[in-house]
Amino acid sequence: MLDAAVFGRLVVARAEWEDTLIGLVRQAGDDFLFRPGHRDPPPDNLIASWTWQHRPEAPLPGLNARRLRASWIVSLMRRRIDAGVIAAAAGLASTASLARYQHFVPPVTFFVAPQWGLRPSGPA
């Protein structure tokens, strides 16, 4: 997690990136983590401008910050992460904002439910 006082909100990362990010934070010191060596303040839309400047070569598709964010949100929803946690991590005002992504999330199936200690409802 990055300090909310710096960004105006809490910035979180997946646990599997924790060690990598800790190493980068130590290496960066007081410098920017994402753009080390830059002394000017970052643009308002830093990630969108970064994806625009760093285009992959054909035939790879270009990166789009909105699609990257949507993919990240849907991946969390598919892992059944608590909606409140997702909304807070994504900087959304409420969990209601997640509704537009719900159709990309498959329903819980009979085969998945037992892994969570759930039983299908209905007649036995």
Foldseek 3Di string as FASTA:
>chain_A
DDDCVVVVADADDDPVCVVVVVVLCVVQPPADSVDGPDPDDADPPNVQVVQVVDADDPPDHGDGVVVVLLVVLLVCVLVVPDLQVSCRNSVHPDSVVCVVSVVVHDDQDCVRQVVVVHHDDDDD
